[in-house]
């Protein structure tokens, strides 16, 4: 059984409509028989039951039937016929069968801290989750739509979503001939490649570029349907992330060098925090959205 939406893509991808179910009240009587007047496709809303159909395979056949999720709903004519077939062909889009969600064991291990060198991101970036997001759940602003209208379908029929882990350096200090064994406190500011807005009445969570440029001011570059945004937060909370009340959080702690052979002889101290980043990529490989979450309770230190 599959419950989902049947979408229709308009010319050049500029008009997105979803096939809708009719209601009992849409029936009419014609020549002593009852006819169903299919309603026209309408804009997508994730919580509209009349946009949802339940597809089931017929026993011992390769055919299907569909029913409306709404109690008084009637699917459009091409779906309410019992025994319809689905034809398949090789996709021209680079959609591999590797979107298995989160790799829980890999995510729990977290990346290696990596080598030294003073980099603010020394660890390798490890992909711990993969998904595909259909275009119907992603919105672009009018300027972006006009700019890429000729290639919108080719670039944005599907989006790839990945969840990445890495360690970010938040503090470091060096030993300046003092024979100290403790490090000083540090603080971390949560910074994001994109800034968010509240979920609007249309059920879309809009993001705008974080760069404070003249072109970016007031611009809403991309929006995610609230169901995608809620799934992102659910995945984070499942991994132990806790939302803070402030955009900036101060971390204070005292570290003692207990590394064998370095007691009282250390030259450098570094502190790292685990960050997880959702990256939304278009089919042509360009990044549409990058959003970073900081795990302020997952800290690692290194002495040299």
Protein backbone atom coordinates (compact mmCIF):
# COMPACT_ATOMS: atom_id res chain seq x y z
CA UNK A 1 0.00 0.00 0.00
CA UNK A 2 1.20 3.49 -0.82
CA UNK A 3 -0.34 6.73 0.37
CA UNK A 4 0.84 9.82 -1.44
CA UNK A 5 0.19 12.65 -3.86
CA UNK A 6 -0.12 12.67 -7.64
CA UNK A 7 1.48 15.84 -8.96
CA UNK A 8 1.25 17.57 -12.31
CA UNK A 9 4.12 19.78 -13.45
CA UNK A 10 3.16 22.82 -15.46
CA UNK A 11 5.01 24.36 -18.40
CA UNK A 12 8.68 25.00 -17.58
CA UNK A 13 7.97 23.93 -14.01
CA UNK A 14 6.42 27.30 -13.18
CA UNK A 15 2.99 25.97 -12.17
CA UNK A 16 2.84 23.14 -9.63
CA UNK A 17 -0.53 21.49 -9.24
CA UNK A 18 -1.68 18.32 -7.52
CA UNK A 19 -4.48 16.10 -8.75
CA UNK A 20 -7.39 16.42 -6.33
CA UNK A 21 -10.20 14.09 -5.34
CA UNK A 22 -13.78 15.11 -5.96
CA UNK A 23 -16.50 14.92 -3.31
CA UNK A 24 -19.86 13.24 -3.29
CA UNK A 25 -21.46 16.64 -3.78
CA UNK A 26 -19.59 17.00 -7.09
CA UNK A 27 -21.64 14.20 -8.66
CA UNK A 28 -24.29 15.11 -11.23
CA UNK A 29 -27.10 13.18 -12.87
CA UNK A 30 -26.99 12.89 -16.64
CA UNK A 31 -29.23 10.68 -18.81
CA UNK A 32 -30.48 8.71 -15.83
CA UNK A 33 -26.97 7.93 -14.59
CA UNK A 34 -24.66 9.50 -12.07
CA UNK A 35 -21.46 11.13 -13.27
CA UNK A 36 -18.47 12.42 -11.36
CA UNK A 37 -17.15 15.82 -12.32
CA UNK A 38 -13.42 15.74 -11.67
CA UNK A 39 -12.18 18.86 -9.95
CA UNK A 40 -9.17 20.62 -11.50
CA UNK A 41 -5.70 20.19 -9.98
CA UNK A 42 -4.90 22.71 -7.27
CA UNK A 43 -1.85 23.99 -5.37
CA UNK A 44 -0.15 21.51 -3.08
CA UNK A 45 -0.99 21.51 0.65
CA UNK A 46 0.44 18.65 2.66
CA UNK A 47 -2.51 18.51 5.09
CA UNK A 48 -5.26 18.51 2.45
CA UNK A 49 -6.78 15.00 2.59
CA UNK A 50 -8.43 15.50 -0.81
CA UNK A 51 -4.97 15.62 -2.39
CA UNK A 52 -4.05 12.19 -1.00
CA UNK A 53 -4.80 8.80 -2.50
CA UNK A 54 -4.13 5.26 -1.29
CA UNK A 55 -2.72 2.94 -3.95
CA UNK A 56 -2.94 -0.83 -3.54
CA UNK A 57 -1.80 -3.68 -5.83
CA UNK A 58 -4.49 -6.05 -7.05
CA UNK A 59 -3.94 -9.68 -6.01
CA UNK A 60 -2.11 -11.93 -8.49
CA UNK A 61 -1.75 -9.16 -11.05
CA UNK A 62 0.58 -6.30 -11.89
CA UNK A 63 -2.25 -3.83 -11.79
CA UNK A 64 -3.33 -1.32 -9.18
CA UNK A 65 -6.34 0.42 -7.73
CA UNK A 66 -6.59 3.72 -5.87
CA UNK A 67 -8.93 5.06 -3.23
CA UNK A 68 -9.29 8.47 -1.63
CA UNK A 69 -7.95 9.01 1.87
CA UNK A 70 -10.81 11.41 2.61
CA UNK A 71 -13.97 9.55 3.64
CA UNK A 72 -16.16 11.27 1.01
CA UNK A 73 -13.42 11.63 -1.60
CA UNK A 74 -13.52 10.26 -5.15
CA UNK A 75 -10.19 9.91 -7.02
CA UNK A 76 -9.81 11.47 -10.48
CA UNK A 77 -10.99 9.33 -13.39
CA UNK A 78 -7.58 8.02 -14.41
CA UNK A 79 -7.02 6.68 -10.88
CA UNK A 80 -10.45 5.42 -9.91
CA UNK A 81 -10.47 2.88 -12.74
CA UNK A 82 -9.56 -0.48 -11.23
CA UNK A 83 -6.77 -2.42 -12.82
CA UNK A 84 -4.64 0.40 -14.20
CA UNK A 85 -1.00 -0.27 -14.96
CA UNK A 86 2.22 1.55 -14.21
CA UNK A 87 4.88 1.74 -16.90
CA UNK A 88 8.52 2.32 -16.04
CA UNK A 89 11.53 3.54 -17.95
CA UNK A 90 15.10 4.47 -17.20
CA UNK A 91 15.25 7.80 -15.45
CA UNK A 92 17.19 10.63 -17.03
CA UNK A 93 17.76 11.97 -13.53
CA UNK A 94 20.65 10.79 -11.41
CA UNK A 95 18.53 9.10 -8.75
CA UNK A 96 20.43 6.15 -7.29
CA UNK A 97 18.85 3.65 -4.94
CA UNK A 98 20.97 4.75 -1.99
CA UNK A 99 18.52 6.88 -0.02
CA UNK A 100 18.21 4.64 3.03
CA UNK A 101 17.72 7.36 5.61
CA UNK A 102 20.06 7.50 8.61
CA UNK A 103 22.83 4.97 9.13
CA UNK A 104 22.34 4.75 12.90
CA UNK A 105 25.51 2.77 13.79
CA UNK A 106 27.68 5.10 11.69
CA UNK A 107 26.07 8.17 13.22
CA UNK A 108 26.66 6.92 16.76
CA UNK A 109 30.36 6.36 16.11
CA UNK A 110 30.93 10.01 15.08
CA UNK A 111 33.90 10.93 12.85
CA UNK A 112 37.54 10.63 13.83
CA UNK A 113 38.94 13.85 15.17
CA UNK A 114 41.68 13.81 12.55
CA UNK A 115 45.13 15.31 12.60
CA UNK A 116 46.34 18.59 14.01
CA UNK A 117 47.45 21.62 12.13
CA UNK A 118 45.24 24.28 13.64
CA UNK A 119 42.38 23.87 11.17
CA UNK A 120 38.95 24.88 12.41
CA UNK A 121 37.47 21.77 10.77
CA UNK A 122 40.10 19.05 11.01
CA UNK A 123 37.88 16.01 10.87
CA UNK A 124 36.60 14.42 7.68
CA UNK A 125 32.99 15.11 6.80
CA UNK A 126 31.03 11.87 7.14
CA UNK A 127 27.64 11.43 5.46
CA UNK A 128 25.39 9.59 7.92
CA UNK A 129 22.01 10.05 6.21
CA UNK A 130 20.62 10.22 2.66
CA UNK A 131 17.17 11.08 1.30
CA UNK A 132 15.48 12.31 -1.87
CA UNK A 133 13.03 15.21 -1.69
CA UNK A 134 10.53 15.63 -4.57
CA UNK A 135 10.25 19.14 -5.97
CA UNK A 136 6.70 19.49 -4.66
CA UNK A 137 8.09 19.87 -1.11
CA UNK A 138 10.58 22.61 -2.05
CA UNK A 139 9.78 26.22 -2.96
CA UNK A 140 11.99 28.85 -4.54
CA UNK A 141 11.32 32.57 -4.54
CA UNK A 142 10.12 34.43 -7.62
CA UNK A 143 13.56 35.82 -8.49
CA UNK A 144 15.14 32.37 -8.41
CA UNK A 145 12.29 30.89 -10.44
CA UNK A 146 12.68 33.50 -13.17
CA UNK A 147 16.45 33.12 -13.21
CA UNK A 148 16.47 29.36 -13.77
CA UNK A 149 13.06 28.88 -15.44
CA UNK A 150 14.51 27.17 -18.52
CA UNK A 151 16.38 24.59 -16.47
CA UNK A 152 14.08 24.33 -13.46
CA UNK A 153 12.68 20.90 -14.33
CA UNK A 154 16.07 19.43 -15.18
CA UNK A 155 17.73 20.85 -12.08
CA UNK A 156 14.96 20.50 -9.53
CA UNK A 157 12.71 17.52 -10.25
CA UNK A 158 14.30 15.88 -7.22
CA UNK A 159 16.63 17.18 -4.54
CA UNK A 160 19.22 15.15 -2.67
CA UNK A 161 19.27 15.59 1.08
CA UNK A 162 22.25 14.46 3.14
CA UNK A 163 23.05 14.65 6.84
CA UNK A 164 26.75 15.25 7.48
CA UNK A 165 28.82 15.04 10.66
CA UNK A 166 32.11 16.78 11.44
CA UNK A 167 34.04 18.27 14.34
CA UNK A 168 34.37 22.05 14.53
CA UNK A 169 37.13 23.73 16.53
CA UNK A 170 35.65 26.18 19.03
CA UNK A 171 38.66 26.96 21.19
CA UNK A 172 42.44 26.60 21.26
CA UNK A 173 45.36 27.88 23.29
CA UNK A 174 49.12 27.40 23.47
CA UNK A 175 51.42 26.99 26.42
CA UNK A 176 53.53 30.11 26.79
CA UNK A 177 56.27 28.85 29.10
CA UNK A 178 53.85 28.76 32.01
CA UNK A 179 53.63 25.40 33.69
CA UNK A 180 49.85 25.20 33.65
CA UNK A 181 47.85 22.01 33.29
CA UNK A 182 44.42 23.55 32.84
CA UNK A 183 42.91 25.23 29.82
CA UNK A 184 40.86 28.38 29.93
CA UNK A 185 37.19 28.55 29.15
CA UNK A 186 35.84 29.10 25.66
CA UNK A 187 32.60 30.13 24.03
CA UNK A 188 30.86 29.14 20.83
CA UNK A 189 28.41 30.99 18.64
CA UNK A 190 25.94 28.97 16.61
CA UNK A 191 26.36 30.12 13.03
CA UNK A 192 24.38 28.87 10.05
CA UNK A 193 25.04 29.09 6.31
CA UNK A 194 21.34 29.99 6.00
CA UNK A 195 19.02 31.96 8.27
CA UNK A 196 15.49 30.80 8.95
CA UNK A 197 12.09 32.40 9.23
CA UNK A 198 8.96 31.22 11.00
CA UNK A 199 6.65 28.77 9.24
CA UNK A 200 4.14 30.77 7.22
CA UNK A 201 0.42 30.30 6.75
CA UNK A 202 1.20 28.37 3.56
CA UNK A 203 3.00 25.68 5.59
CA UNK A 204 6.43 26.62 4.21
CA UNK A 205 9.59 27.23 6.25
CA UNK A 206 11.54 29.89 4.37
CA UNK A 207 15.31 30.38 4.49
CA UNK A 208 17.42 33.28 3.31
CA UNK A 209 21.17 33.61 2.67
CA UNK A 210 23.17 34.19 5.84
CA UNK A 211 25.67 36.45 4.04
CA UNK A 212 24.92 40.06 4.92
CA UNK A 213 25.17 41.35 1.37
CA UNK A 214 22.96 43.95 -0.25
CA UNK A 215 21.53 41.35 -2.61
CA UNK A 216 20.76 38.99 0.26
CA UNK A 217 18.89 41.47 2.46
CA UNK A 218 15.21 40.59 2.51
CA UNK A 219 15.65 37.80 -0.01
CA UNK A 220 14.01 34.45 0.68
CA UNK A 221 15.97 32.03 -1.44
CA UNK A 222 14.33 28.71 -0.64
CA UNK A 223 11.46 27.23 1.34
CA UNK A 224 10.83 23.74 2.70
CA UNK A 225 7.42 22.28 3.36
CA UNK A 226 6.82 22.01 7.08
CA UNK A 227 6.72 18.20 6.91
CA UNK A 228 10.33 18.18 5.66
CA UNK A 229 11.43 20.67 8.31
CA UNK A 230 9.73 18.67 11.08
CA UNK A 231 11.41 15.48 9.85
CA UNK A 232 14.81 17.20 9.95
CA UNK A 233 14.30 18.28 13.55
CA UNK A 234 12.97 14.84 14.49
CA UNK A 235 16.11 13.21 13.10
CA UNK A 236 18.28 15.65 15.05
CA UNK A 237 16.45 15.12 18.32
CA UNK A 238 16.64 11.37 17.79
CA UNK A 239 20.42 11.82 17.62
CA UNK A 240 20.54 13.73 20.90
CA UNK A 241 20.38 17.34 19.69
CA UNK A 242 18.67 19.75 22.10
CA UNK A 243 17.32 23.07 20.86
CA UNK A 244 18.61 26.10 22.77
CA UNK A 245 16.74 29.26 23.66
CA UNK A 246 19.42 31.54 22.23
CA UNK A 247 21.29 31.69 18.94
CA UNK A 248 24.51 32.00 20.91
CA UNK A 249 25.45 29.63 23.70
CA UNK A 250 28.40 29.94 26.05
CA UNK A 251 30.36 26.85 27.02
CA UNK A 252 32.49 26.92 30.15
CA UNK A 253 34.54 23.98 31.36
CA UNK A 254 37.91 23.14 32.88
CA UNK A 255 40.13 20.55 31.20
CA UNK A 256 43.10 18.83 32.78
CA UNK A 257 45.87 17.26 30.74
CA UNK A 258 45.93 13.58 31.66
CA UNK A 259 47.57 12.36 28.46
CA UNK A 260 50.40 9.97 29.28
CA UNK A 261 53.75 11.61 28.71
CA UNK A 262 52.34 15.13 28.41
CA UNK A 263 51.61 15.98 32.04
CA UNK A 264 53.04 19.45 32.51
CA UNK A 265 54.71 19.32 29.09
CA UNK A 266 51.88 20.15 26.69
CA UNK A 267 52.33 22.85 24.03
CA UNK A 268 48.86 23.15 22.55
CA UNK A 269 45.25 22.56 23.57
CA UNK A 270 42.27 22.32 21.18
CA UNK A 271 38.56 21.90 21.84
CA UNK A 272 36.05 20.65 19.27
CA UNK A 273 32.27 20.42 19.07
CA UNK A 274 30.23 18.01 16.97
CA UNK A 275 28.14 19.66 14.25
CA UNK A 276 25.56 18.05 11.99
CA UNK A 277 24.63 19.70 8.72
CA UNK A 278 21.68 19.07 6.42
CA UNK A 279 22.70 19.74 2.81
CA UNK A 280 20.04 20.01 0.09
CA UNK A 281 21.51 19.57 -3.40
CA UNK A 282 19.94 20.05 -6.82
CA UNK A 283 20.18 17.38 -9.50
CA UNK A 284 23.00 19.27 -11.23
CA UNK A 285 25.10 19.07 -8.06
CA UNK A 286 24.70 22.68 -6.93
CA UNK A 287 23.86 23.28 -3.27
CA UNK A 288 20.41 24.76 -2.63
CA UNK A 289 20.56 24.86 1.17
CA UNK A 290 23.06 24.11 3.92
CA UNK A 291 21.84 24.26 7.52
CA UNK A 292 24.06 23.48 10.50
CA UNK A 293 23.15 22.32 14.00
CA UNK A 294 25.60 22.35 16.92
CA UNK A 295 25.69 19.59 19.55
CA UNK A 296 26.93 21.63 22.49
CA UNK A 297 26.93 18.54 24.71
CA UNK A 298 29.29 16.59 22.43
CA UNK A 299 32.76 17.99 23.06
CA UNK A 300 36.19 16.51 22.40
CA UNK A 301 39.59 17.86 23.36
CA UNK A 302 43.13 17.28 22.19
CA UNK A 303 46.48 17.98 23.82
CA UNK A 304 49.79 18.18 22.00
